[in-house]
Amino acid sequence: MQTFEARNGKSGRYAYPAAFALKHMAKDLRLAHEAGVSTPLAESVNATYRHALEEGLGELDLMAILRHLGGK
């Protein structure tokens, strides 16, 4: 089972089973954008997931977005 481990500021590690790959969320966000769905954060979130894909995180669980955001 593929997992993503992240540290919170207080204690220990948490493992997230790869239940929904980041690449699938990126695809859903792209499709919503192409369909003209607009929400207050849609453009920013879509760009964030696109950048995470460019970093090679697409096959990891959706929670891998934390790795991308932590690197900023």
C-alpha atoms as a PDB file:
ATOM      1  CA  MET A   1       0.000   0.000   0.000  1.00  0.00           C
ATOM      2  CA  GLN A   2       1.334   3.394  -0.977  1.00  0.00           C
ATOM      3  CA  THR A   3       1.252   6.004   1.772  1.00  0.00           C
ATOM      4  CA  PHE A   4       2.109   9.633   2.260  1.00  0.00           C
ATOM      5  CA  GLU A   5       3.550  10.605   5.620  1.00  0.00           C
ATOM      6  CA  ALA A   6       3.287  14.111   7.005  1.00  0.00           C
ATOM      7  CA  ARG A   7       4.314  15.648  10.293  1.00  0.00           C
ATOM      8  CA  ASN A   8       2.017  17.933  12.150  1.00  0.00           C
ATOM      9  CA  GLY A   9       3.499  20.522  14.468  1.00  0.00           C
ATOM     10  CA  LYS A  10       2.520  18.652  17.634  1.00  0.00           C
ATOM     11  CA  SER A  11       3.230  14.956  17.476  1.00  0.00           C
ATOM     12  CA  GLY A  12       4.101  11.936  15.401  1.00  0.00           C
ATOM     13  CA  ARG A  13       3.511  10.865  11.842  1.00  0.00           C
ATOM     14  CA  TYR A  14       0.301  10.171  10.037  1.00  0.00           C
ATOM     15  CA  ALA A  15       0.048   7.834   7.052  1.00  0.00           C
ATOM     16  CA  TYR A  16      -2.653   8.294   4.453  1.00  0.00           C
ATOM     17  CA  PRO A  17      -3.539   5.295   2.268  1.00  0.00           C
ATOM     18  CA  ALA A  18      -3.517   6.104  -1.434  1.00  0.00           C
ATOM     19  CA  ALA A  19      -7.275   6.089  -1.900  1.00  0.00           C
ATOM     20  CA  PHE A  20      -7.572   8.870  -4.500  1.00  0.00           C
ATOM     21  CA  ALA A  21      -4.526   9.833  -6.545  1.00  0.00           C
ATOM     22  CA  LEU A  22      -3.600  13.506  -6.765  1.00  0.00           C
ATOM     23  CA  LYS A  23      -3.651  13.255 -10.568  1.00  0.00           C
ATOM     24  CA  HIS A  24      -7.369  12.441 -10.456  1.00  0.00           C
ATOM     25  CA  MET A  25      -8.146  15.551  -8.410  1.00  0.00           C
ATOM     26  CA  ALA A  26      -6.088  17.610 -10.859  1.00  0.00           C
ATOM     27  CA  LYS A  27      -8.110  16.109 -13.736  1.00  0.00           C
ATOM     28  CA  ASP A  28     -11.412  16.908 -12.009  1.00  0.00           C
ATOM     29  CA  LEU A  29     -10.309  20.489 -11.385  1.00  0.00           C
ATOM     30  CA  ARG A  30      -9.216  20.845 -15.019  1.00  0.00           C
ATOM     31  CA  LEU A  31     -12.544  19.472 -16.288  1.00  0.00           C
ATOM     32  CA  ALA A  32     -14.486  21.846 -14.034  1.00  0.00           C
ATOM     33  CA  HIS A  33     -12.417  24.746 -15.376  1.00  0.00           C
ATOM     34  CA  GLU A  34     -13.010  23.665 -18.983  1.00  0.00           C
ATOM     35  CA  ALA A  35     -16.760  23.395 -18.268  1.00  0.00           C
ATOM     36  CA  GLY A  36     -16.759  26.978 -17.020  1.00  0.00           C
ATOM     37  CA  VAL A  37     -17.426  26.139 -13.377  1.00  0.00           C
ATOM     38  CA  SER A  38     -16.194  29.044 -11.316  1.00  0.00           C
ATOM     39  CA  THR A  39     -15.783  29.180  -7.568  1.00  0.00           C
ATOM     40  CA  PRO A  40     -13.871  31.741  -5.511  1.00  0.00           C
ATOM     41  CA  LEU A  41     -10.759  29.553  -5.173  1.00  0.00           C
ATOM     42  CA  ALA A  42     -11.013  27.441  -8.323  1.00  0.00           C
ATOM     43  CA  GLU A  43      -8.216  29.087 -10.324  1.00  0.00           C
ATOM     44  CA  SER A  44      -5.764  29.056  -7.439  1.00  0.00           C
ATOM     45  CA  VAL A  45      -6.521  25.449  -6.482  1.00  0.00           C
ATOM     46  CA  ASN A  46      -6.307  24.331 -10.114  1.00  0.00           C
ATOM     47  CA  ALA A  47      -2.888  25.991 -10.463  1.00  0.00           C
ATOM     48  CA  THR A  48      -1.672  24.434  -7.204  1.00  0.00           C
ATOM     49  CA  TYR A  49      -2.578  20.918  -8.354  1.00  0.00           C
ATOM     50  CA  ARG A  50      -1.042  21.547 -11.790  1.00  0.00           C
ATOM     51  CA  HIS A  51       2.242  22.505 -10.108  1.00  0.00           C
ATOM     52  CA  ALA A  52       2.084  19.419  -7.871  1.00  0.00           C
ATOM     53  CA  LEU A  53       1.702  17.285 -11.010  1.00  0.00           C
ATOM     54  CA  GLU A  54       4.761  18.992 -12.510  1.00  0.00           C
ATOM     55  CA  GLU A  55       6.684  17.999  -9.362  1.00  0.00           C
ATOM     56  CA  GLY A  56       5.841  14.346 -10.043  1.00  0.00           C
ATOM     57  CA  LEU A  57       3.311  13.891  -7.237  1.00  0.00           C
ATOM     58  CA  GLY A  58       0.452  12.697  -9.458  1.00  0.00           C
ATOM     59  CA  GLU A  59       0.612   9.024  -8.507  1.00  0.00           C
ATOM     60  CA  LEU A  60       0.592   9.753  -4.774  1.00  0.00           C
ATOM     61  CA  ASP A  61      -2.521  10.124  -2.662  1.00  0.00           C
ATOM     62  CA  LEU A  62      -4.416  13.384  -2.745  1.00  0.00           C
ATOM     63  CA  MET A  63      -2.861  14.252   0.629  1.00  0.00           C
ATOM     64  CA  ALA A  64       0.490  14.607  -1.165  1.00  0.00           C
ATOM     65  CA  ILE A  65      -0.633  18.159  -1.866  1.00  0.00           C
ATOM     66  CA  LEU A  66       0.688  18.829   1.643  1.00  0.00           C
ATOM     67  CA  ARG A  67       4.184  17.886   0.451  1.00  0.00           C
ATOM     68  CA  HIS A  68       3.850  20.372  -2.404  1.00  0.00           C
ATOM     69  CA  LEU A  69       2.527  23.135  -0.157  1.00  0.00           C
ATOM     70  CA  GLY A  70       5.164  22.449   2.502  1.00  0.00           C
ATOM     71  CA  GLY A  71       7.926  23.035  -0.033  1.00  0.00           C
ATOM     72  CA  LYS A  72       6.899  26.631  -0.587  1.00  0.00           C
END
